[in-house]
């Protein structure tokens, strides 16, 4: 149970930063509803975010960036390392 509370607190903190720092003021949910949604329903909230929400966008953006970096590195002329 302590693990659930720790993970839900981390998840709620992450979602609070995403929602209240990066979101527009008009689209922010009510604070109590936000806490209920992301603390009590943390596993469901995580799954929804991972499949269609903010977390999925972050993961896809990071993956695309890494893929482009890998392709760029593969096209570059290999430089000899000193040492």
N, C-alpha and C. Protein backbone atom coordinates (compact mmCIF):
# COMPACT_ATOMS: atom_id res chain seq x y z
N UNK A 1 0.82 -1.18 0.00
CA UNK A 1 0.00 0.00 0.00
C UNK A 1 0.87 1.26 0.00
N UNK A 2 2.00 1.18 0.69
CA UNK A 2 2.90 2.33 0.72
C UNK A 2 3.49 2.59 -0.66
N UNK A 3 3.74 1.52 -1.41
CA UNK A 3 4.25 1.67 -2.77
C UNK A 3 3.21 2.37 -3.65
N UNK A 4 1.95 2.00 -3.50
CA UNK A 4 0.89 2.65 -4.27
C UNK A 4 0.84 4.14 -3.96
N UNK A 5 0.91 4.50 -2.69
CA UNK A 5 0.87 5.91 -2.32
C UNK A 5 2.08 6.68 -2.86
N UNK A 6 3.24 6.05 -2.82
CA UNK A 6 4.44 6.71 -3.33
C UNK A 6 4.34 6.91 -4.84
N UNK A 7 3.93 5.88 -5.57
CA UNK A 7 3.81 6.01 -7.01
C UNK A 7 2.70 6.97 -7.43
N UNK A 8 1.58 6.94 -6.72
CA UNK A 8 0.50 7.86 -7.05
C UNK A 8 0.89 9.30 -6.73
N UNK A 9 1.69 9.51 -5.68
CA UNK A 9 2.16 10.86 -5.37
C UNK A 9 3.11 11.36 -6.46
N UNK A 10 4.00 10.49 -6.93
CA UNK A 10 4.89 10.87 -8.03
C UNK A 10 4.11 11.16 -9.30
N UNK A 11 3.14 10.31 -9.61
CA UNK A 11 2.33 10.51 -10.81
C UNK A 11 1.52 11.80 -10.72
N UNK A 12 0.92 12.05 -9.56
CA UNK A 12 0.13 13.27 -9.39
C UNK A 12 1.01 14.51 -9.50
N UNK A 13 2.21 14.45 -8.98
CA UNK A 13 3.13 15.58 -9.09
C UNK A 13 3.51 15.82 -10.55
N UNK A 14 3.81 14.75 -11.27
CA UNK A 14 4.15 14.88 -12.69
C UNK A 14 2.99 15.49 -13.47
N UNK A 15 1.79 14.99 -13.26
CA UNK A 15 0.63 15.50 -13.99
C UNK A 15 0.31 16.93 -13.58
N UNK A 16 0.55 17.29 -12.33
CA UNK A 16 0.32 18.67 -11.88
C UNK A 16 1.26 19.62 -12.61
N UNK A 17 2.51 19.23 -12.75
CA UNK A 17 3.47 20.07 -13.47
C UNK A 17 3.04 20.20 -14.93
N UNK A 18 2.67 19.08 -15.56
CA UNK A 18 2.23 19.12 -16.95
C UNK A 18 0.97 19.98 -17.11
N UNK A 19 0.02 19.84 -16.20
CA UNK A 19 -1.26 20.52 -16.35
C UNK A 19 -1.18 21.98 -15.96
N UNK A 20 -0.60 22.27 -14.80
CA UNK A 20 -0.68 23.63 -14.27
C UNK A 20 0.48 24.53 -14.72
N UNK A 21 1.54 23.96 -15.26
CA UNK A 21 2.63 24.79 -15.77
C UNK A 21 2.52 24.97 -17.27
N UNK A 22 2.25 23.87 -17.98
CA UNK A 22 2.24 23.93 -19.44
C UNK A 22 0.84 24.11 -20.03
N UNK A 23 -0.20 23.93 -19.24
CA UNK A 23 -1.55 24.06 -19.76
C UNK A 23 -2.06 25.49 -19.71
N UNK A 24 -3.00 25.78 -20.59
CA UNK A 24 -3.62 27.11 -20.58
C UNK A 24 -4.51 27.24 -19.36
N UNK A 25 -4.63 28.43 -18.78
CA UNK A 25 -5.47 28.59 -17.58
C UNK A 25 -6.94 28.21 -17.81
N UNK A 26 -7.45 28.43 -19.01
CA UNK A 26 -8.86 28.11 -19.28
C UNK A 26 -9.10 26.61 -19.35
N UNK A 27 -8.07 25.82 -19.66
CA UNK A 27 -8.28 24.38 -19.82
C UNK A 27 -7.89 23.58 -18.59
N UNK A 28 -7.50 24.23 -17.53
CA UNK A 28 -7.12 23.51 -16.31
C UNK A 28 -8.35 23.00 -15.57
N UNK A 29 -8.29 21.76 -15.09
CA UNK A 29 -9.43 21.23 -14.33
C UNK A 29 -9.46 21.81 -12.91
N UNK A 30 -10.60 21.61 -12.25
CA UNK A 30 -10.71 22.05 -10.86
C UNK A 30 -9.73 21.24 -10.02
N UNK A 31 -9.14 21.87 -9.03
CA UNK A 31 -8.07 21.26 -8.24
C UNK A 31 -8.51 19.97 -7.55
N UNK A 32 -9.71 19.96 -6.96
CA UNK A 32 -10.19 18.77 -6.25
C UNK A 32 -10.43 17.62 -7.23
N UNK A 33 -11.02 17.91 -8.37
CA UNK A 33 -11.24 16.88 -9.38
C UNK A 33 -9.92 16.34 -9.92
N UNK A 34 -8.94 17.23 -10.05
CA UNK A 34 -7.63 16.81 -10.50
C UNK A 34 -7.01 15.83 -9.50
N UNK A 35 -7.07 16.16 -8.21
CA UNK A 35 -6.51 15.26 -7.19
C UNK A 35 -7.22 13.92 -7.15
N UNK A 36 -8.53 13.93 -7.25
CA UNK A 36 -9.28 12.67 -7.24
C UNK A 36 -8.91 11.82 -8.45
N UNK A 37 -8.87 12.45 -9.60
CA UNK A 37 -8.57 11.71 -10.82
C UNK A 37 -7.18 11.10 -10.81
N UNK A 38 -6.19 11.88 -10.40
CA UNK A 38 -4.81 11.42 -10.52
C UNK A 38 -4.25 10.75 -9.28
N UNK A 39 -4.88 10.88 -8.15
CA UNK A 39 -4.40 10.21 -6.94
C UNK A 39 -5.15 8.91 -6.70
N UNK A 40 -6.45 8.98 -6.65
CA UNK A 40 -7.25 7.79 -6.38
C UNK A 40 -7.23 6.85 -7.58
N UNK A 41 -7.34 7.42 -8.76
CA UNK A 41 -7.39 6.62 -9.96
C UNK A 41 -6.05 6.63 -10.71
N UNK A 42 -4.96 6.62 -9.97
CA UNK A 42 -3.62 6.73 -10.56
C UNK A 42 -3.33 5.65 -11.61
N UNK A 43 -3.61 4.37 -11.37
CA UNK A 43 -3.30 3.38 -12.41
C UNK A 43 -4.09 3.62 -13.71
N UNK A 44 -5.36 3.95 -13.57
CA UNK A 44 -6.18 4.24 -14.75
C UNK A 44 -5.70 5.50 -15.45
N UNK A 45 -5.37 6.51 -14.68
CA UNK A 45 -4.85 7.76 -15.23
C UNK A 45 -3.54 7.52 -15.97
N UNK A 46 -2.67 6.70 -15.42
CA UNK A 46 -1.39 6.40 -16.06
C UNK A 46 -1.61 5.67 -17.38
N UNK A 47 -2.49 4.69 -17.40
CA UNK A 47 -2.75 3.93 -18.62
C UNK A 47 -3.35 4.83 -19.69
N UNK A 48 -4.30 5.68 -19.31
CA UNK A 48 -4.90 6.59 -20.29
C UNK A 48 -3.87 7.57 -20.84
N UNK A 49 -3.02 8.08 -19.99
CA UNK A 49 -2.00 9.02 -20.44
C UNK A 49 -0.95 8.34 -21.31
N UNK A 50 -0.60 7.11 -20.98
CA UNK A 50 0.41 6.38 -21.76
C UNK A 50 -0.11 5.98 -23.12
N UNK A 51 -1.41 5.76 -23.25
CA UNK A 51 -1.96 5.31 -24.52
C UNK A 51 -2.43 6.45 -25.40
N UNK A 52 -2.84 7.57 -24.83
CA UNK A 52 -3.38 8.61 -25.69
C UNK A 52 -3.15 10.02 -25.17
N UNK A 53 -2.33 10.19 -24.18
CA UNK A 53 -2.20 11.51 -23.58
C UNK A 53 -0.82 12.11 -23.66
N UNK A 54 -0.53 12.92 -22.67
CA UNK A 54 0.71 13.69 -22.61
C UNK A 54 1.93 12.77 -22.56
N UNK A 55 1.85 11.73 -21.78
CA UNK A 55 2.99 10.82 -21.63
C UNK A 55 3.34 10.17 -22.97
N UNK A 56 2.33 9.78 -23.73
CA UNK A 56 2.59 9.18 -25.04
C UNK A 56 3.27 10.18 -25.97
N UNK A 57 2.83 11.43 -25.95
CA UNK A 57 3.47 12.45 -26.78
C UNK A 57 4.93 12.63 -26.40
N UNK A 58 5.23 12.66 -25.12
CA UNK A 58 6.61 12.83 -24.67
C UNK A 58 7.48 11.64 -25.10
N UNK A 59 6.95 10.43 -24.96
CA UNK A 59 7.71 9.24 -25.35
C UNK A 59 7.95 9.22 -26.85
N UNK A 60 6.91 9.54 -27.64
CA UNK A 60 7.07 9.55 -29.09
C UNK A 60 8.07 10.62 -29.53
N UNK A 61 8.03 11.79 -28.91
CA UNK A 61 8.96 12.85 -29.26
C UNK A 61 10.40 12.45 -28.94
N UNK A 62 10.61 11.85 -27.80
CA UNK A 62 11.95 11.39 -27.43
C UNK A 62 12.42 10.29 -28.37
N UNK A 63 11.54 9.38 -28.73
CA UNK A 63 11.91 8.29 -29.64
C UNK A 63 12.27 8.83 -31.02
N UNK A 64 11.46 9.78 -31.53
CA UNK A 64 11.76 10.37 -32.84
C UNK A 64 13.09 11.10 -32.83
N UNK A 65 13.36 11.83 -31.76
CA UNK A 65 14.63 12.54 -31.65
C UNK A 65 15.82 11.59 -31.62
N UNK A 66 15.69 10.51 -30.88
CA UNK A 66 16.77 9.52 -30.81
C UNK A 66 16.96 8.84 -32.16
N UNK A 67 15.88 8.55 -32.84
CA UNK A 67 15.97 7.90 -34.15
C UNK A 67 16.65 8.82 -35.17
N UNK A 68 16.29 10.09 -35.17
CA UNK A 68 16.92 11.05 -36.09
C UNK A 68 18.40 11.20 -35.77
N UNK A 69 18.75 11.24 -34.49
CA UNK A 69 20.14 11.36 -34.09
C UNK A 69 20.93 10.13 -34.54
N UNK A 70 20.34 8.98 -34.43
CA UNK A 70 20.99 7.74 -34.86
C UNK A 70 21.21 7.74 -36.37
N UNK A 71 20.21 8.17 -37.12
CA UNK A 71 20.35 8.24 -38.58
C UNK A 71 21.40 9.26 -38.99
N UNK A 72 21.42 10.41 -38.31
CA UNK A 72 22.41 11.44 -38.62
C UNK A 72 23.83 10.93 -38.35
N UNK A 73 23.98 10.23 -37.24
CA UNK A 73 25.29 9.68 -36.87
C UNK A 73 25.74 8.63 -37.89
N UNK A 74 24.79 7.83 -38.37
CA UNK A 74 25.13 6.80 -39.35
C UNK A 74 25.56 7.41 -40.68
N UNK A 75 25.02 8.56 -41.04
CA UNK A 75 25.39 9.21 -42.30
C UNK A 75 26.69 9.99 -42.21
N UNK A 76 27.07 10.37 -41.00
CA UNK A 76 28.30 11.16 -40.83
C UNK A 76 29.53 10.32 -41.12
N UNK A 77 30.59 11.01 -41.50
CA UNK A 77 31.86 10.34 -41.71
C UNK A 77 32.40 9.96 -40.33
N UNK A 78 32.80 8.73 -40.18
CA UNK A 78 33.31 8.27 -38.87
C UNK A 78 34.64 8.94 -38.56
N UNK A 79 34.71 9.49 -37.39
CA UNK A 79 35.94 10.14 -36.98
C UNK A 79 36.70 9.21 -36.03
N UNK A 80 37.99 9.23 -36.15
CA UNK A 80 38.81 8.36 -35.32
C UNK A 80 38.92 8.96 -33.93
N UNK A 81 38.72 8.16 -32.92
CA UNK A 81 38.83 8.63 -31.55
C UNK A 81 40.28 8.71 -31.14
N UNK A 82 40.60 9.76 -30.42
CA UNK A 82 41.97 9.93 -29.93
C UNK A 82 42.06 9.25 -28.57
N UNK A 83 43.10 8.45 -28.38
CA UNK A 83 43.24 7.85 -27.07
C UNK A 83 43.61 6.50 -27.10
